[in-house]
Amino acid sequence: MKYFFSAGEHSGDLHAAALIREVRRLDPAAEIWGMGGPLMAEAGAEIVIDPTRESTFGYLEAAKKYFVFKKYFKQLTRLLKERRPDVMVWVDFGGFNVLLAEQAAALSIPVVCLFPPSAWAYSKGRAARVAGCVTHIASVLPFEADFYREYGLKVTYVGHPLIDRVKPAVEPERWRQSYYVKAEEKVILLMPGSRRQEVQQLLPVMLEAIAQIAAGEEKLRFFLPVAPTIGRELIGSYLAAYPGLVSLVDSADAYNVMAAADLGILASGTATLEAALLGLPMVVVYRLSGVSAFLFKILMNEEKKKEPLMVALPNLIKRRRVIPELIQHDLTPENLVAQFRLLLETEGLRAEIRKELSELSALLGPPGVMERVATIVVGEASQKR
């Protein structure tokens, strides 16, 4: 059978690649093609468009890429008509993929959606739009599944793929020894995001803050895994002003650093949930343009407007603030220094956060997530209308 996959950023590329491997296990003769990145290509997909280095966050930021993605949309729409896949698999990247899903639905191509838009938090109108073009949602969160069922959608709660993925390759102590970390030193993880735009917004604040912290604390070691979508040149251009402060490690080492670290400063995104599953206390940072932040507030569902604003995935899943967040105007070097030092100097607070994070695994479902999603994908492909 023929499968069209659509993923638009690094995290989607990662999850789609894992799903492709499971689909191939169930359907060895599968013909798989679509939009994605190098990880999907490694898994055996034919990549016709790679937008993973173009991905953005925020409305204004996405608008700047309008003509690039308009070209991608026309190309993919034409290929959907010409190649007629048996199923479209939508992996995150909702603003673009909902448009493609509508085209697929118009061609009577079933659409399976993994990581649908967070309409339970922002703009319920998106849920109605999803209901008009998606055949089956593979939901990663229990409350997400309940929300979308209210719109008459076929929804299967499969659990979160990170349950199967987040596993360090080496023991924390062994990793620390390999980087000559002394017993009395603390390892601090820095993750400024997987998009160029995130790095430009967040890394300068992180570096200014940790430079202040390091000036008064000698027993800290800072490590930064470089995302495959971000070149070392970009990171290096910021680190040049802080020689010797931060050690760069390969992205493949990210889970090892998370498991070995004592604290982290992370951009909001998938990495926060990965680190949380490994029990890492952290400060989550996030910043959009003023226009995008304003639009988010306007589009936020009314019941969410009454609640404290949260962006970190662990907090959203727990439905309360478990880990500290610094977002928008609150994200300053001074505030980050204060929040970081509070965690660094308060062992009881770190222990409390670790306890809260230890409960996340039970909320994200049992292992074997992508096997369950692949069964849905192959099943829908075999029932193509």
Protein backbone atom coordinates (compact mmCIF):
# COMPACT_ATOMS: atom_id res chain seq x y z
CA MET A 1 0.00 0.00 0.00
CA LYS A 2 1.00 3.64 -0.44
CA TYR A 3 1.50 5.96 2.54
CA PHE A 4 1.92 9.73 2.47
CA PHE A 5 3.54 11.17 5.62
CA SER A 6 3.63 14.87 6.48
CA ALA A 7 5.87 16.24 9.25
CA GLY A 8 7.25 19.77 9.34
CA GLU A 9 9.79 20.06 12.16
CA HIS A 10 12.45 18.07 13.97
CA SER A 11 10.21 16.49 16.63
CA GLY A 12 7.65 15.48 13.99
CA ASP A 13 10.44 14.04 11.83
CA LEU A 14 11.62 12.01 14.82
CA HIS A 15 8.18 10.58 15.64
CA ALA A 16 7.29 9.97 11.99
CA ALA A 17 10.53 8.02 11.49
CA ALA A 18 9.68 5.70 14.39
CA LEU A 19 6.18 5.21 13.02
CA ILE A 20 7.47 4.48 9.51
CA ARG A 21 9.61 1.64 10.87
CA GLU A 22 6.58 0.08 12.52
CA VAL A 23 4.45 0.50 9.39
CA ARG A 24 7.14 -1.28 7.37
CA ARG A 25 7.12 -4.10 9.88
CA LEU A 26 3.39 -4.59 9.33
CA ASP A 27 3.53 -3.90 5.57
CA PRO A 28 6.99 -4.82 4.19
CA ALA A 29 5.97 -3.77 0.68
CA ALA A 30 4.87 -0.30 1.82
CA GLU A 31 5.58 2.63 -0.49
CA ILE A 32 6.21 5.61 1.80
CA TRP A 33 6.84 9.19 0.71
CA GLY A 34 6.07 12.72 1.76
CA MET A 35 7.26 15.81 3.62
CA GLY A 36 9.76 15.40 6.41
CA GLY A 37 13.40 15.43 7.37
CA PRO A 38 16.55 13.30 7.50
CA LEU A 39 15.23 10.92 10.15
CA MET A 40 12.26 9.94 7.98
CA ALA A 41 14.66 9.45 5.08
CA GLU A 42 16.81 7.15 7.23
CA ALA A 43 13.68 5.15 8.05
CA GLY A 44 13.11 4.54 4.34
CA ALA A 45 10.73 7.31 3.28
CA GLU A 46 11.12 9.17 0.00
CA ILE A 47 11.36 12.83 1.05
CA VAL A 48 9.99 15.18 -1.59
CA ILE A 49 10.17 18.29 0.63
CA ASP A 50 12.27 18.89 3.75
CA PRO A 51 10.96 21.91 5.71
CA THR A 52 12.54 20.98 9.05
CA ARG A 53 15.06 23.84 8.91
CA GLU A 54 12.29 26.28 7.99
CA SER A 55 9.99 25.56 10.94
CA THR A 56 8.93 28.43 13.16
CA PHE A 57 6.73 29.08 16.18
CA GLY A 58 4.21 31.90 16.54
CA TYR A 59 1.74 33.47 14.14
CA LEU A 60 3.85 36.40 12.98
CA GLU A 61 6.90 34.17 12.61
CA ALA A 62 4.95 31.68 10.49
CA ALA A 63 3.55 34.48 8.33
CA LYS A 64 7.09 35.39 7.30
CA LYS A 65 7.40 31.91 5.75
CA TYR A 66 4.03 32.17 3.98
CA PHE A 67 5.30 32.05 0.40
CA VAL A 68 7.73 29.21 1.13
CA PHE A 69 4.97 27.00 2.56
CA LYS A 70 2.50 28.10 -0.11
CA LYS A 71 4.90 26.62 -2.67
CA TYR A 72 5.22 23.43 -0.61
CA PHE A 73 1.44 23.17 -0.33
CA LYS A 74 0.91 23.44 -4.10
CA GLN A 75 3.58 20.83 -4.77
CA LEU A 76 2.19 18.35 -2.24
CA THR A 77 -1.41 18.88 -3.34
CA ARG A 78 -0.39 18.07 -6.90
CA LEU A 79 1.44 14.94 -5.76
CA LEU A 80 -1.56 13.79 -3.71
CA LYS A 81 -3.66 13.91 -6.87
CA GLU A 82 -1.03 12.23 -9.02
CA ARG A 83 0.17 9.50 -6.65
CA ARG A 84 -3.08 8.84 -4.76
CA PRO A 85 -1.81 7.33 -1.48
CA ASP A 86 -3.98 4.90 0.43
CA VAL A 87 -3.65 7.02 3.58
CA MET A 88 -2.23 10.36 4.71
CA VAL A 89 -0.41 10.37 8.04
CA TRP A 90 -0.37 13.81 9.67
CA VAL A 91 2.31 14.19 12.35
CA ASP A 92 2.00 17.49 14.28
CA PHE A 93 2.61 20.79 12.37
CA GLY A 94 -1.13 21.46 12.52
CA GLY A 95 -1.39 24.85 10.81
CA PHE A 96 0.00 23.44 7.56
CA ASN A 97 -1.15 19.83 7.83
CA VAL A 98 -4.82 20.67 8.31
CA LEU A 99 -4.74 22.29 4.86
CA LEU A 100 -3.20 19.17 3.35
CA ALA A 101 -5.65 16.95 5.22
CA GLU A 102 -8.56 18.87 3.69
CA GLN A 103 -7.11 18.23 0.24
CA ALA A 104 -6.67 14.54 1.03
CA ALA A 105 -10.22 14.25 2.36
CA ALA A 106 -11.55 15.87 -0.83
CA LEU A 107 -9.77 13.09 -2.74
CA SER A 108 -11.32 10.43 -0.44
CA ILE A 109 -7.92 9.64 1.06
CA PRO A 110 -8.21 8.61 4.74
CA VAL A 111 -6.26 10.82 7.17
CA VAL A 112 -4.70 9.56 10.40
CA CYS A 113 -3.54 12.33 12.73
CA LEU A 114 -0.84 11.92 15.36
CA PHE A 115 -0.32 15.00 17.57
CA PRO A 116 -3.41 16.99 16.54
CA PRO A 117 -3.65 20.74 17.26
CA SER A 118 -3.95 21.70 20.93
CA ALA A 119 -7.49 22.96 20.36
CA TRP A 120 -8.35 22.00 23.95
CA ALA A 121 -6.24 25.03 24.92
CA TYR A 122 -6.35 27.35 21.92
CA SER A 123 -9.18 28.02 19.46
CA LYS A 124 -11.80 25.29 19.67
CA GLY A 125 -12.74 26.16 16.10
CA ARG A 126 -9.70 24.21 15.00
CA ALA A 127 -11.21 21.04 16.47
CA ALA A 128 -14.29 21.41 14.25
CA ARG A 129 -12.03 21.88 11.25
CA VAL A 130 -10.05 18.77 12.15
CA ALA A 131 -13.31 16.83 12.46
CA GLY A 132 -14.13 17.77 8.87
CA CYS A 133 -11.05 16.16 7.33
CA VAL A 134 -9.51 13.61 9.72
CA THR A 135 -10.57 9.96 9.68
CA HIS A 136 -8.85 8.78 12.85
CA ILE A 137 -6.90 10.54 15.62
CA ALA A 138 -4.17 8.64 17.43
CA SER A 139 -4.21 10.60 20.68
CA VAL A 140 -1.14 10.82 22.90
CA LEU A 141 -2.90 12.29 25.96
CA PRO A 142 -6.01 10.98 27.74
CA PHE A 143 -7.69 14.38 28.09
CA GLU A 144 -6.87 15.16 24.44
CA ALA A 145 -8.72 11.99 23.40
CA ASP A 146 -11.78 12.92 25.47
CA PHE A 147 -11.77 16.44 24.01
CA TYR A 148 -11.73 15.33 20.36
CA ARG A 149 -14.35 12.63 20.87
CA GLU A 150 -16.79 15.43 21.70
CA TYR A 151 -16.51 16.49 18.05
CA GLY A 152 -17.62 13.12 16.72
CA LEU A 153 -14.15 12.01 15.68
CA LYS A 154 -12.87 8.46 15.75
CA VAL A 155 -10.18 8.65 18.44
CA THR A 156 -7.91 6.00 19.90
CA TYR A 157 -5.80 6.82 22.93
CA VAL A 158 -2.40 5.27 22.15
CA GLY A 159 -0.14 6.89 24.75
CA HIS A 160 2.86 9.15 24.17
CA PRO A 161 5.72 7.87 21.95
CA LEU A 162 8.33 9.27 24.31
CA ILE A 163 7.48 6.49 26.77
CA ASP A 164 9.32 4.10 24.43
CA ARG A 165 12.01 6.48 23.26
CA VAL A 166 13.39 8.25 26.33
CA LYS A 167 16.14 5.91 27.51
CA PRO A 168 19.75 6.95 28.17
CA ALA A 169 22.38 4.78 26.52
CA VAL A 170 24.83 4.91 29.46
CA GLU A 171 24.56 5.15 33.22
CA PRO A 172 24.71 8.74 34.56
CA GLU A 173 27.86 8.12 36.58
CA ARG A 174 29.63 6.58 33.61
CA TRP A 175 28.63 9.53 31.43
CA ARG A 176 29.89 12.01 34.01
CA GLN A 177 33.21 10.18 34.16
CA SER A 178 33.55 10.30 30.36
CA TYR A 179 33.37 14.12 30.53
CA TYR A 180 35.63 14.33 33.60
CA VAL A 181 32.88 15.73 35.80
CA LYS A 182 34.06 15.70 39.42
CA ALA A 183 31.89 14.25 42.18
CA GLU A 184 31.33 17.66 43.75
CA GLU A 185 30.36 19.31 40.44
CA LYS A 186 26.80 19.74 39.22
CA VAL A 187 25.87 19.14 35.58
CA ILE A 188 23.58 21.79 34.07
CA LEU A 189 21.74 21.05 30.82
CA LEU A 190 21.03 23.86 28.35
CA MET A 191 18.57 23.32 25.49
CA PRO A 192 17.66 26.51 23.57
CA GLY A 193 15.41 24.73 21.06
CA SER A 194 15.60 22.97 17.71
CA ARG A 195 14.65 25.97 15.56
CA ARG A 196 17.01 28.75 14.51
CA GLN A 197 14.46 31.31 15.67
CA GLU A 198 14.32 29.76 19.16
CA VAL A 199 18.09 29.79 19.50
CA GLN A 200 18.24 33.45 18.47
CA GLN A 201 15.55 34.40 20.98
CA LEU A 202 16.57 32.25 23.92
CA LEU A 203 20.27 31.39 23.89
CA PRO A 204 21.57 34.95 24.53
CA VAL A 205 19.40 35.19 27.66
CA MET A 206 20.51 31.74 28.83
CA LEU A 207 24.18 32.55 28.34
CA GLU A 208 24.03 35.91 30.09
CA ALA A 209 22.26 34.28 33.03
CA ILE A 210 24.62 31.32 33.41
CA ALA A 211 27.63 33.61 33.07
CA GLN A 212 26.38 35.50 36.13
CA ILE A 213 25.70 32.24 37.97
CA ALA A 214 29.08 30.73 37.07
CA ALA A 215 30.89 33.86 38.29
CA GLY A 216 29.84 33.06 41.85
CA GLU A 217 29.74 29.27 41.67
CA GLU A 218 32.75 27.26 40.50
CA LYS A 219 31.27 23.78 40.80
CA LEU A 220 28.94 23.92 37.81
CA ARG A 221 29.46 22.34 34.39
CA PHE A 222 27.22 23.46 31.50
CA PHE A 223 26.42 21.15 28.57
CA LEU A 224 24.44 21.94 25.40
CA PRO A 225 23.33 19.18 22.98
CA VAL A 226 23.25 20.67 19.47
CA ALA A 227 19.97 19.86 17.68
CA PRO A 228 20.50 18.38 14.18
CA THR A 229 18.43 21.20 12.70
CA ILE A 230 20.81 23.81 14.16
CA GLY A 231 24.38 24.12 12.93
CA ARG A 232 27.24 24.31 15.40
CA GLU A 233 28.26 27.53 13.66
CA LEU A 234 25.15 29.31 14.92
CA ILE A 235 25.64 28.07 18.48
CA GLY A 236 29.34 28.87 18.30
CA SER A 237 28.65 32.45 17.23
CA TYR A 238 26.91 33.03 20.58
CA LEU A 239 29.38 31.03 22.67
CA ALA A 240 32.32 33.03 21.32
CA ALA A 241 31.55 35.75 23.86
CA TYR A 242 31.69 33.21 26.70
CA PRO A 243 34.84 31.13 26.07
CA GLY A 244 35.06 27.91 28.04
CA LEU A 245 31.67 28.34 29.68
CA VAL A 246 29.66 25.69 27.80
CA SER A 247 30.57 22.27 26.41
CA LEU A 248 28.78 21.24 23.21
CA VAL A 249 27.69 17.62 22.81
CA ASP A 250 26.08 15.76 19.94
CA SER A 251 22.28 15.53 19.82
CA ALA A 252 22.58 11.74 20.10
CA ASP A 253 23.95 12.32 23.60
CA ALA A 254 20.93 14.37 24.74
CA TYR A 255 19.22 11.66 26.82
CA ASN A 256 22.53 10.80 28.49
CA VAL A 257 23.00 14.43 29.54
CA MET A 258 19.38 14.67 30.73
CA ALA A 259 19.80 11.59 32.90
CA ALA A 260 23.14 12.75 34.31
CA ALA A 261 22.21 16.41 34.85
CA ASP A 262 21.28 17.96 38.16
CA LEU A 263 19.36 20.91 36.68
CA GLY A 264 18.29 22.22 33.30
CA ILE A 265 17.26 25.36 31.44
CA LEU A 266 15.14 24.30 28.49
CA ALA A 267 13.12 25.91 25.74
CA SER A 268 9.46 24.96 25.85
CA GLY A 269 8.82 21.97 23.60
CA THR A 270 9.26 18.22 23.35
CA ALA A 271 12.58 18.34 25.20
CA THR A 272 10.84 19.44 28.40
CA LEU A 273 8.77 16.25 28.45
CA GLU A 274 11.82 14.12 27.61
CA ALA A 275 13.77 15.66 30.47
CA ALA A 276 10.77 15.35 32.79
CA LEU A 277 10.50 11.62 32.11
CA LEU A 278 14.12 11.35 33.24
CA GLY A 279 13.28 13.26 36.43
CA LEU A 280 15.24 16.44 35.70
CA PRO A 281 14.28 19.59 37.65
CA MET A 282 14.35 22.50 35.20
CA VAL A 283 13.39 26.05 34.37
CA VAL A 284 11.40 26.30 31.13
CA VAL A 285 11.81 29.42 28.98
CA TYR A 286 9.73 30.66 26.06
CA ARG A 287 9.41 33.85 24.06
CA LEU A 288 7.34 34.89 21.05
CA SER A 289 7.07 38.18 19.23
CA GLY A 290 4.67 40.63 20.88
CA VAL A 291 2.18 40.24 18.02
CA SER A 292 2.16 36.44 18.25
CA ALA A 293 1.77 36.53 22.03
CA PHE A 294 -1.19 38.90 21.66
CA LEU A 295 -2.84 36.59 19.11
CA PHE A 296 -2.34 33.58 21.37
CA LYS A 297 -4.17 35.37 24.16
CA ILE A 298 -7.00 36.37 21.84
CA LEU A 299 -7.43 32.81 20.52
CA MET A 300 -7.12 31.09 23.89
CA ASN A 301 -10.28 29.27 24.95
CA GLU A 302 -12.32 31.20 27.52
CA GLU A 303 -11.87 28.65 30.31
CA LYS A 304 -8.09 28.72 29.75
CA LYS A 305 -8.00 32.51 30.03
CA LYS A 306 -9.10 32.15 33.65
CA GLU A 307 -6.18 29.86 34.45
CA PRO A 308 -2.49 30.79 34.86
CA LEU A 309 -0.76 30.67 31.48
CA MET A 310 1.39 27.55 31.07
CA VAL A 311 3.43 26.37 28.09
CA ALA A 312 5.62 23.54 29.44
CA LEU A 313 4.33 20.10 28.46
CA PRO A 314 4.84 18.56 31.93
CA ASN A 315 2.75 21.36 33.45
CA LEU A 316 0.03 21.04 30.80
CA ILE A 317 -0.20 17.27 31.35
CA LYS A 318 -0.28 17.62 35.14
CA ARG A 319 -2.80 20.49 34.78
CA ARG A 320 -0.79 22.66 37.19
CA ARG A 321 2.60 24.33 37.47
CA VAL A 322 5.06 21.66 38.56
CA ILE A 323 8.18 23.20 37.03
CA PRO A 324 8.88 26.94 36.87
CA GLU A 325 8.33 28.84 33.61
CA LEU A 326 9.68 32.19 32.46
CA ILE A 327 7.82 33.41 29.40
CA GLN A 328 7.65 36.59 27.35
CA HIS A 329 8.54 39.70 29.37
CA ASP A 330 9.31 37.63 32.47
CA LEU A 331 12.20 36.02 30.62
CA THR A 332 15.15 38.21 31.59
CA PRO A 333 18.67 37.22 32.66
CA GLU A 334 17.94 38.55 36.16
CA ASN A 335 14.75 36.51 36.56
CA LEU A 336 16.42 33.42 35.14
CA VAL A 337 19.33 33.79 37.56
CA ALA A 338 16.92 34.13 40.50
CA GLN A 339 14.80 31.14 39.48
CA PHE A 340 17.83 28.98 38.77
CA ARG A 341 19.51 29.82 42.07
CA LEU A 342 16.31 29.00 43.93
CA LEU A 343 16.36 25.48 42.46
CA LEU A 344 20.12 25.15 42.86
CA GLU A 345 20.11 26.10 46.52
CA THR A 346 16.89 24.34 47.62
CA GLU A 347 17.31 20.57 47.67
CA GLY A 348 13.78 20.12 49.06
CA LEU A 349 12.29 21.94 46.07
CA ARG A 350 14.28 19.82 43.63
CA ALA A 351 13.15 16.65 45.44
CA GLU A 352 9.52 17.77 45.28
CA ILE A 353 9.79 18.42 41.52
CA ARG A 354 11.40 15.02 40.96
CA LYS A 355 8.54 13.35 42.84
CA GLU A 356 5.97 15.14 40.69
CA LEU A 357 7.80 14.23 37.49
CA SER A 358 8.06 10.56 38.52
CA GLU A 359 4.27 10.32 38.16
CA LEU A 360 4.28 11.39 34.50
CA SER A 361 5.00 7.96 33.04
CA ALA A 362 1.73 6.56 34.38
CA LEU A 363 -0.16 9.39 32.65
CA LEU A 364 1.39 8.71 29.25
CA GLY A 365 0.33 5.14 28.69
CA PRO A 366 2.08 1.75 28.47
CA PRO A 367 5.01 0.96 26.12
CA GLY A 368 4.44 -0.04 22.49
CA VAL A 369 2.93 3.27 21.38
CA MET A 370 4.12 3.32 17.77
CA GLU A 371 3.05 -0.30 17.29
CA ARG A 372 -0.47 0.77 18.18
CA VAL A 373 -0.33 3.81 15.88
CA ALA A 374 1.02 1.71 12.99
CA THR A 375 -1.88 -0.72 13.38
CA ILE A 376 -4.28 2.23 13.02
CA VAL A 377 -2.43 3.59 9.97
CA VAL A 378 -2.28 0.26 8.13
CA GLY A 379 -5.91 -0.47 9.06
CA GLU A 380 -7.15 2.83 7.64
CA ALA A 381 -5.03 2.39 4.49
CA SER A 382 -6.55 -1.02 3.87
CA GLN A 383 -10.07 0.44 4.16
CA LYS A 384 -9.48 3.32 1.76
CA ARG A 385 -12.77 4.65 0.48
